[in-house]
Amino acid sequence: MYINIGGDKFLLAGDIVGVFDLENTSQSRITREFLKKAEKNKKSENAVTDIPHSFVVTKDKVYIAQSTSQTLKKRIDRLKIER
């Protein structure tokens, strides 16, 4: 099953490792370094057309997402119920 993380970007639900609120987690130096390193190593992809609200970590990449972490969690939980 696929999850829409905003705009026209869909990710395979099984590949998602974690969903994080960008505003809260980016206050941490470690998170900022993680995101910078992912961008530097071309392991980051911007999936927003407006203000980013979250980031999604997958097995291979980090996606900056337009949807909030709460919205993405609801979408993931809905998939679990449908199975």
PDB file of N, CA and C in Angstrom:
ATOM      1  N   MET A   1       0.826  -1.175   0.000  1.00  0.00           N
ATOM      2  CA  MET A   1       0.000   0.000   0.000  1.00  0.00           C
ATOM      3  C   MET A   1       0.880   1.250   0.000  1.00  0.00           C
ATOM      4  N   TYR A   2       0.361   2.296  -0.584  1.00  0.00           N
ATOM      5  CA  TYR A   2       1.094   3.548  -0.700  1.00  0.00           C
ATOM      6  C   TYR A   2       0.465   4.633   0.166  1.00  0.00           C
ATOM      7  N   ILE A   3       1.317   5.534   0.653  1.00  0.00           N
ATOM      8  CA  ILE A   3       0.902   6.672   1.469  1.00  0.00           C
ATOM      9  C   ILE A   3       1.251   7.945   0.707  1.00  0.00           C
ATOM     10  N   ASN A   4       0.282   8.848   0.598  1.00  0.00           N
ATOM     11  CA  ASN A   4       0.534  10.157  -0.005  1.00  0.00           C
ATOM     12  C   ASN A   4       1.120  11.055   1.076  1.00  0.00           C
ATOM     13  N   ILE A   5       2.318  11.606   0.830  1.00  0.00           N
ATOM     14  CA  ILE A   5       2.949  12.473   1.827  1.00  0.00           C
ATOM     15  C   ILE A   5       2.789  13.950   1.481  1.00  0.00           C
ATOM     16  N   GLY A   6       2.030  14.230   0.434  1.00  0.00           N
ATOM     17  CA  GLY A   6       1.782  15.607   0.024  1.00  0.00           C
ATOM     18  C   GLY A   6       2.024  15.763  -1.463  1.00  0.00           C
ATOM     19  N   GLY A   7       1.235  16.618  -2.066  1.00  0.00           N
ATOM     20  CA  GLY A   7       1.375  16.827  -3.508  1.00  0.00           C
ATOM     21  C   GLY A   7       1.135  15.534  -4.248  1.00  0.00           C
ATOM     22  N   ASP A   8       2.044  15.219  -5.153  1.00  0.00           N
ATOM     23  CA  ASP A   8       1.897  13.996  -5.942  1.00  0.00           C
ATOM     24  C   ASP A   8       2.917  12.934  -5.552  1.00  0.00           C
ATOM     25  N   LYS A   9       3.424  13.013  -4.315  1.00  0.00           N
ATOM     26  CA  LYS A   9       4.442  12.057  -3.862  1.00  0.00           C
ATOM     27  C   LYS A   9       3.813  10.968  -3.001  1.00  0.00           C
ATOM     28  N   PHE A  10       4.022   9.720  -3.419  1.00  0.00           N
ATOM     29  CA  PHE A  10       3.521   8.554  -2.704  1.00  0.00           C
ATOM     30  C   PHE A  10       4.705   7.668  -2.317  1.00  0.00           C
ATOM     31  N   LEU A  11       4.638   7.095  -1.119  1.00  0.00           N
ATOM     32  CA  LEU A  11       5.677   6.187  -0.652  1.00  0.00           C
ATOM     33  C   LEU A  11       5.061   4.849  -0.297  1.00  0.00           C
ATOM     34  N   LEU A  12       5.803   3.806  -0.520  1.00  0.00           N
ATOM     35  CA  LEU A  12       5.373   2.472  -0.124  1.00  0.00           C
ATOM     36  C   LEU A  12       5.362   2.416   1.407  1.00  0.00           C
ATOM     37  N   ALA A  13       4.232   2.086   1.994  1.00  0.00           N
ATOM     38  CA  ALA A  13       4.073   2.128   3.453  1.00  0.00           C
ATOM     39  C   ALA A  13       5.113   1.260   4.167  1.00  0.00           C
ATOM     40  N   GLY A  14       5.455   0.136   3.609  1.00  0.00           N
ATOM     41  CA  GLY A  14       6.425  -0.758   4.229  1.00  0.00           C
ATOM     42  C   GLY A  14       7.834  -0.212   4.268  1.00  0.00           C
ATOM     43  N   ASP A  15       8.124   0.788   3.446  1.00  0.00           N
ATOM     44  CA  ASP A  15       9.455   1.391   3.424  1.00  0.00           C
ATOM     45  C   ASP A  15       9.624   2.498   4.457  1.00  0.00           C
ATOM     46  N   ILE A  16       8.522   2.950   5.044  1.00  0.00           N
ATOM     47  CA  ILE A  16       8.581   4.058   5.992  1.00  0.00           C
ATOM     48  C   ILE A  16       9.116   3.569   7.337  1.00  0.00           C
ATOM     49  N   VAL A  17      10.188   4.229   7.780  1.00  0.00           N
ATOM     50  CA  VAL A  17      10.806   3.908   9.062  1.00  0.00           C
ATOM     51  C   VAL A  17      10.235   4.805  10.156  1.00  0.00           C
ATOM     52  N   GLY A  18      10.011   6.082   9.824  1.00  0.00           N
ATOM     53  CA  GLY A  18       9.479   7.010  10.811  1.00  0.00           C
ATOM     54  C   GLY A  18       8.948   8.276  10.179  1.00  0.00           C
ATOM     55  N   VAL A  19       8.030   8.928  10.885  1.00  0.00           N
ATOM     56  CA  VAL A  19       7.441  10.203  10.464  1.00  0.00           C
ATOM     57  C   VAL A  19       7.651  11.169  11.618  1.00  0.00           C
ATOM     58  N   PHE A  20       8.207  12.354  11.313  1.00  0.00           N
ATOM     59  CA  PHE A  20       8.591  13.286  12.357  1.00  0.00           C
ATOM     60  C   PHE A  20       8.078  14.689  12.065  1.00  0.00           C
ATOM     61  N   ASP A  21       7.647  15.371  13.119  1.00  0.00           N
ATOM     62  CA  ASP A  21       7.212  16.752  13.024  1.00  0.00           C
ATOM     63  C   ASP A  21       8.443  17.630  12.821  1.00  0.00           C
ATOM     64  N   LEU A  22       8.472  18.385  11.750  1.00  0.00           N
ATOM     65  CA  LEU A  22       9.648  19.173  11.400  1.00  0.00           C
ATOM     66  C   LEU A  22       9.907  20.299  12.390  1.00  0.00           C
ATOM     67  N   GLU A  23       8.863  20.977  12.810  1.00  0.00           N
ATOM     68  CA  GLU A  23       9.045  22.113  13.716  1.00  0.00           C
ATOM     69  C   GLU A  23       9.621  21.680  15.066  1.00  0.00           C
ATOM     70  N   ASN A  24       9.077  20.630  15.641  1.00  0.00           N
ATOM     71  CA  ASN A  24       9.542  20.170  16.957  1.00  0.00           C
ATOM     72  C   ASN A  24      10.922  19.519  16.903  1.00  0.00           C
ATOM     73  N   THR A  25      11.143  18.662  15.937  1.00  0.00           N
ATOM     74  CA  THR A  25      12.402  17.913  15.907  1.00  0.00           C
ATOM     75  C   THR A  25      13.569  18.723  15.382  1.00  0.00           C
ATOM     76  N   SER A  26      13.322  19.736  14.562  1.00  0.00           N
ATOM     77  CA  SER A  26      14.433  20.509  14.000  1.00  0.00           C
ATOM     78  C   SER A  26      15.076  21.436  15.027  1.00  0.00           C
ATOM     79  N   GLN A  27      14.520  21.497  16.227  1.00  0.00           N
ATOM     80  CA  GLN A  27      15.151  22.262  17.301  1.00  0.00           C
ATOM     81  C   GLN A  27      16.378  21.537  17.840  1.00  0.00           C
ATOM     82  N   SER A  28      16.453  20.251  17.585  1.00  0.00           N
ATOM     83  CA  SER A  28      17.581  19.443  18.042  1.00  0.00           C
ATOM     84  C   SER A  28      18.752  19.554  17.057  1.00  0.00           C
ATOM     85  N   ARG A  29      19.928  19.757  17.597  1.00  0.00           N
ATOM     86  CA  ARG A  29      21.139  19.847  16.774  1.00  0.00           C
ATOM     87  C   ARG A  29      21.359  18.543  16.012  1.00  0.00           C
ATOM     88  N   ILE A  30      21.090  17.428  16.666  1.00  0.00           N
ATOM     89  CA  ILE A  30      21.294  16.116  16.042  1.00  0.00           C
ATOM     90  C   ILE A  30      20.378  15.953  14.826  1.00  0.00           C
ATOM     91  N   THR A  31      19.131  16.360  14.953  1.00  0.00           N
ATOM     92  CA  THR A  31      18.190  16.263  13.826  1.00  0.00           C
ATOM     93  C   THR A  31      18.621  17.170  12.694  1.00  0.00           C
ATOM     94  N   ARG A  32      19.025  18.390  12.992  1.00  0.00           N
ATOM     95  CA  ARG A  32      19.486  19.306  11.944  1.00  0.00           C
ATOM     96  C   ARG A  32      20.691  18.721  11.211  1.00  0.00           C
ATOM     97  N   GLU A  33      21.617  18.131  11.959  1.00  0.00           N
ATOM     98  CA  GLU A  33      22.788  17.496  11.333  1.00  0.00           C
ATOM     99  C   GLU A  33      22.369  16.312  10.461  1.00  0.00           C
ATOM    100  N   PHE A  34      21.422  15.515  10.942  1.00  0.00           N
ATOM    101  CA  PHE A  34      20.913  14.376  10.181  1.00  0.00           C
ATOM    102  C   PHE A  34      20.321  14.837   8.849  1.00  0.00           C
ATOM    103  N   LEU A  35      19.488  15.883   8.895  1.00  0.00           N
ATOM    104  CA  LEU A  35      18.853  16.388   7.674  1.00  0.00           C
ATOM    105  C   LEU A  35      19.881  17.006   6.727  1.00  0.00           C
ATOM    106  N   LYS A  36      20.859  17.717   7.265  1.00  0.00           N
ATOM    107  CA  LYS A  36      21.920  18.300   6.423  1.00  0.00           C
ATOM    108  C   LYS A  36      22.746  17.210   5.751  1.00  0.00           C
ATOM    109  N   LYS A  37      23.072  16.169   6.516  1.00  0.00           N
ATOM    110  CA  LYS A  37      23.857  15.066   5.968  1.00  0.00           C
ATOM    111  C   LYS A  37      23.086  14.342   4.865  1.00  0.00           C
ATOM    112  N   ALA A  38      21.795  14.124   5.076  1.00  0.00           N
ATOM    113  CA  ALA A  38      20.972  13.477   4.054  1.00  0.00           C
ATOM    114  C   ALA A  38      20.942  14.318   2.785  1.00  0.00           C
ATOM    115  N   GLU A  39      20.821  15.628   2.944  1.00  0.00           N
ATOM    116  CA  GLU A  39      20.805  16.513   1.772  1.00  0.00           C
ATOM    117  C   GLU A  39      22.155  16.505   1.066  1.00  0.00           C
ATOM    118  N   LYS A  40      23.226  16.587   1.830  1.00  0.00           N
ATOM    119  CA  LYS A  40      24.577  16.589   1.260  1.00  0.00           C
ATOM    120  C   LYS A  40      24.860  15.304   0.472  1.00  0.00           C
ATOM    121  N   ASN A  41      24.383  14.177   0.993  1.00  0.00           N
ATOM    122  CA  ASN A  41      24.619  12.878   0.361  1.00  0.00           C
ATOM    123  C   ASN A  41      23.563  12.520  -0.687  1.00  0.00           C
ATOM    124  N   LYS A  42      22.744  13.512  -1.029  1.00  0.00           N
ATOM    125  CA  LYS A  42      21.683  13.332  -2.031  1.00  0.00           C
ATOM    126  C   LYS A  42      20.717  12.222  -1.636  1.00  0.00           C
ATOM    127  N   LYS A  43      20.457  12.114  -0.336  1.00  0.00           N
ATOM    128  CA  LYS A  43      19.509  11.139   0.207  1.00  0.00           C
ATOM    129  C   LYS A  43      18.271  11.842   0.744  1.00  0.00           C
ATOM    130  N   SER A  44      18.054  13.070   0.268  1.00  0.00           N
ATOM    131  CA  SER A  44      16.918  13.868   0.709  1.00  0.00           C
ATOM    132  C   SER A  44      16.138  14.317  -0.510  1.00  0.00           C
ATOM    133  N   GLU A  45      14.814  14.343  -0.368  1.00  0.00           N
ATOM    134  CA  GLU A  45      13.970  14.792  -1.468  1.00  0.00           C
ATOM    135  C   GLU A  45      12.878  15.697  -0.931  1.00  0.00           C
ATOM    136  N   ASN A  46      12.710  16.825  -1.578  1.00  0.00           N
ATOM    137  CA  ASN A  46      11.704  17.785  -1.185  1.00  0.00           C
ATOM    138  C   ASN A  46      10.392  17.427  -1.889  1.00  0.00           C
ATOM    139  N   ALA A  47       9.362  17.102  -1.119  1.00  0.00           N
ATOM    140  CA  ALA A  47       8.065  16.697  -1.679  1.00  0.00           C
ATOM    141  C   ALA A  47       6.994  17.723  -1.330  1.00  0.00           C
ATOM    142  N   VAL A  48       7.382  19.004  -1.295  1.00  0.00           N
ATOM    143  CA  VAL A  48       6.435  20.052  -0.909  1.00  0.00           C
ATOM    144  C   VAL A  48       6.283  21.087  -2.010  1.00  0.00           C
ATOM    145  N   THR A  49       5.120  21.685  -2.043  1.00  0.00           N
ATOM    146  CA  THR A  49       4.884  22.823  -2.934  1.00  0.00           C
ATOM    147  C   THR A  49       4.614  24.072  -2.110  1.00  0.00           C
ATOM    148  N   ASP A  50       4.510  23.886  -0.800  1.00  0.00           N
ATOM    149  CA  ASP A  50       4.223  24.987   0.114  1.00  0.00           C
ATOM    150  C   ASP A  50       5.111  24.818   1.348  1.00  0.00           C
ATOM    151  N   ILE A  51       4.600  25.125   2.500  1.00  0.00           N
ATOM    152  CA  ILE A  51       5.363  25.054   3.744  1.00  0.00           C
ATOM    153  C   ILE A  51       5.532  23.600   4.180  1.00  0.00           C
ATOM    154  N   PRO A  52       6.771  23.164   4.461  1.00  0.00           N
ATOM    155  CA  PRO A  52       6.974  21.796   4.949  1.00  0.00           C
ATOM    156  C   PRO A  52       6.541  21.675   6.402  1.00  0.00           C
ATOM    157  N   HIS A  53       5.943  20.524   6.738  1.00  0.00           N
ATOM    158  CA  HIS A  53       5.467  20.307   8.103  1.00  0.00           C
ATOM    159  C   HIS A  53       6.093  19.088   8.767  1.00  0.00           C
ATOM    160  N   SER A  54       6.632  18.184   7.972  1.00  0.00           N
ATOM    161  CA  SER A  54       7.180  16.958   8.545  1.00  0.00           C
ATOM    162  C   SER A  54       8.284  16.420   7.643  1.00  0.00           C
ATOM    163  N   PHE A  55       8.963  15.406   8.153  1.00  0.00           N
ATOM    164  CA  PHE A  55       9.864  14.655   7.283  1.00  0.00           C
ATOM    165  C   PHE A  55       9.653  13.177   7.540  1.00  0.00           C
ATOM    166  N   VAL A  56       9.809  12.413   6.469  1.00  0.00           N
ATOM    167  CA  VAL A  56       9.560  10.981   6.493  1.00  0.00           C
ATOM    168  C   VAL A  56      10.874  10.275   6.183  1.00  0.00           C
ATOM    169  N   VAL A  57      11.262   9.382   7.071  1.00  0.00           N
ATOM    170  CA  VAL A  57      12.486   8.608   6.876  1.00  0.00           C
ATOM    171  C   VAL A  57      12.083   7.252   6.330  1.00  0.00           C
ATOM    172  N   THR A  58      12.700   6.888   5.201  1.00  0.00           N
ATOM    173  CA  THR A  58      12.479   5.565   4.624  1.00  0.00           C
ATOM    174  C   THR A  58      13.792   4.797   4.662  1.00  0.00           C
ATOM    175  N   LYS A  59      13.774   3.617   4.126  1.00  0.00           N
ATOM    176  CA  LYS A  59      14.980   2.791   4.100  1.00  0.00           C
ATOM    177  C   LYS A  59      16.102   3.451   3.311  1.00  0.00           C
ATOM    178  N   ASP A  60      15.739   4.245   2.293  1.00  0.00           N
ATOM    179  CA  ASP A  60      16.745   4.793   1.389  1.00  0.00           C
ATOM    180  C   ASP A  60      16.872   6.308   1.395  1.00  0.00           C
ATOM    181  N   LYS A  61      15.838   7.023   1.844  1.00  0.00           N
ATOM    182  CA  LYS A  61      15.817   8.474   1.698  1.00  0.00           C
ATOM    183  C   LYS A  61      15.078   9.151   2.827  1.00  0.00           C
ATOM    184  N   VAL A  62      15.259  10.469   2.864  1.00  0.00           N
ATOM    185  CA  VAL A  62      14.491  11.324   3.759  1.00  0.00           C
ATOM    186  C   VAL A  62      13.661  12.247   2.873  1.00  0.00           C
ATOM    187  N   TYR A  63      12.366  12.306   3.115  1.00  0.00           N
ATOM    188  CA  TYR A  63      11.465  13.139   2.325  1.00  0.00           C
ATOM    189  C   TYR A  63      10.929  14.262   3.198  1.00  0.00           C
ATOM    190  N   ILE A  64      11.092  15.488   2.726  1.00  0.00           N
ATOM    191  CA  ILE A  64      10.500  16.638   3.388  1.00  0.00           C
ATOM    192  C   ILE A  64       9.075  16.720   2.870  1.00  0.00           C
ATOM    193  N   ALA A  65       8.104  16.643   3.796  1.00  0.00           N
ATOM    194  CA  ALA A  65       6.706  16.474   3.402  1.00  0.00           C
ATOM    195  C   ALA A  65       5.855  17.684   3.764  1.00  0.00           C
ATOM    196  N   GLN A  66       4.835  17.875   2.976  1.00  0.00           N
ATOM    197  CA  GLN A  66       3.890  18.962   3.196  1.00  0.00           C
ATOM    198  C   GLN A  66       2.838  18.594   4.233  1.00  0.00           C
ATOM    199  N   SER A  67       2.466  17.342   4.285  1.00  0.00           N
ATOM    200  CA  SER A  67       1.464  16.892   5.248  1.00  0.00           C
ATOM    201  C   SER A  67       2.052  16.907   6.653  1.00  0.00           C
ATOM    202  N   THR A  68       1.190  17.128   7.642  1.00  0.00           N
ATOM    203  CA  THR A  68       1.657  17.103   9.026  1.00  0.00           C
ATOM    204  C   THR A  68       1.919  15.670   9.460  1.00  0.00           C
ATOM    205  N   SER A  69       2.720  15.523  10.496  1.00  0.00           N
ATOM    206  CA  SER A  69       3.014  14.180  10.995  1.00  0.00           C
ATOM    207  C   SER A  69       1.741  13.498  11.507  1.00  0.00           C
ATOM    208  N   GLN A  70       0.811  14.279  12.079  1.00  0.00           N
ATOM    209  CA  GLN A  70      -0.443  13.705  12.561  1.00  0.00           C
ATOM    210  C   GLN A  70      -1.281  13.157  11.405  1.00  0.00           C
ATOM    211  N   THR A  71      -1.333  13.902  10.302  1.00  0.00           N
ATOM    212  CA  THR A  71      -2.079  13.448   9.125  1.00  0.00           C
ATOM    213  C   THR A  71      -1.464  12.173   8.559  1.00  0.00           C
ATOM    214  N   LEU A  72      -0.142  12.134   8.471  1.00  0.00           N
ATOM    215  CA  LEU A  72       0.527  10.950   7.941  1.00  0.00           C
ATOM    216  C   LEU A  72       0.309   9.747   8.853  1.00  0.00           C
ATOM    217  N   LYS A  73       0.344   9.968  10.163  1.00  0.00           N
ATOM    218  CA  LYS A  73       0.092   8.878  11.109  1.00  0.00           C
ATOM    219  C   LYS A  73      -1.315   8.323  10.916  1.00  0.00           C
ATOM    220  N   LYS A  74      -2.293   9.192  10.735  1.00  0.00           N
ATOM    221  CA  LYS A  74      -3.666   8.731  10.513  1.00  0.00           C
ATOM    222  C   LYS A  74      -3.764   7.899   9.240  1.00  0.00           C
ATOM    223  N   ARG A  75      -3.066   8.322   8.194  1.00  0.00           N
ATOM    224  CA  ARG A  75      -3.093   7.571   6.932  1.00  0.00           C
ATOM    225  C   ARG A  75      -2.468   6.189   7.109  1.00  0.00           C
ATOM    226  N   ILE A  76      -1.356   6.136   7.840  1.00  0.00           N
ATOM    227  CA  ILE A  76      -0.693   4.848   8.090  1.00  0.00           C
ATOM    228  C   ILE A  76      -1.584   3.956   8.945  1.00  0.00           C
ATOM    229  N   ASP A  77      -2.172   4.520  10.000  1.00  0.00           N
ATOM    230  CA  ASP A  77      -3.063   3.740  10.864  1.00  0.00           C
ATOM    231  C   ASP A  77      -4.270   3.210  10.098  1.00  0.00           C
ATOM    232  N   ARG A  78      -4.795   4.007   9.184  1.00  0.00           N
ATOM    233  CA  ARG A  78      -5.940   3.588   8.373  1.00  0.00           C
ATOM    234  C   ARG A  78      -5.574   2.369   7.525  1.00  0.00           C
ATOM    235  N   LEU A  79      -4.348   2.362   6.995  1.00  0.00           N
ATOM    236  CA  LEU A  79      -3.904   1.213   6.208  1.00  0.00           C
ATOM    237  C   LEU A  79      -3.821  -0.046   7.058  1.00  0.00           C
ATOM    238  N   LYS A  80      -3.367   0.106   8.286  1.00  0.00           N
ATOM    239  CA  LYS A  80      -3.254  -1.054   9.179  1.00  0.00           C
ATOM    240  C   LYS A  80      -4.621  -1.645   9.468  1.00  0.00           C
ATOM    241  N   ILE A  81      -5.635  -0.789   9.621  1.00  0.00           N
ATOM    242  CA  ILE A  81      -6.992  -1.248   9.894  1.00  0.00           C
ATOM    243  C   ILE A  81      -7.567  -1.970   8.683  1.00  0.00           C
ATOM    244  N   GLU A  82      -7.273  -1.477   7.486  1.00  0.00           N
ATOM    245  CA  GLU A  82      -7.818  -2.048   6.262  1.00  0.00           C
ATOM    246  C   GLU A  82      -7.235  -3.416   5.947  1.00  0.00           C
ATOM    247  N   ARG A  83      -6.076  -3.724   6.486  1.00  0.00           N
ATOM    248  CA  ARG A  83      -5.438  -5.025   6.185  1.00  0.00           C
ATOM    249  C   ARG A  83      -6.128  -6.142   6.785  1.00  0.00           C
TER     250      ARG A  83
END
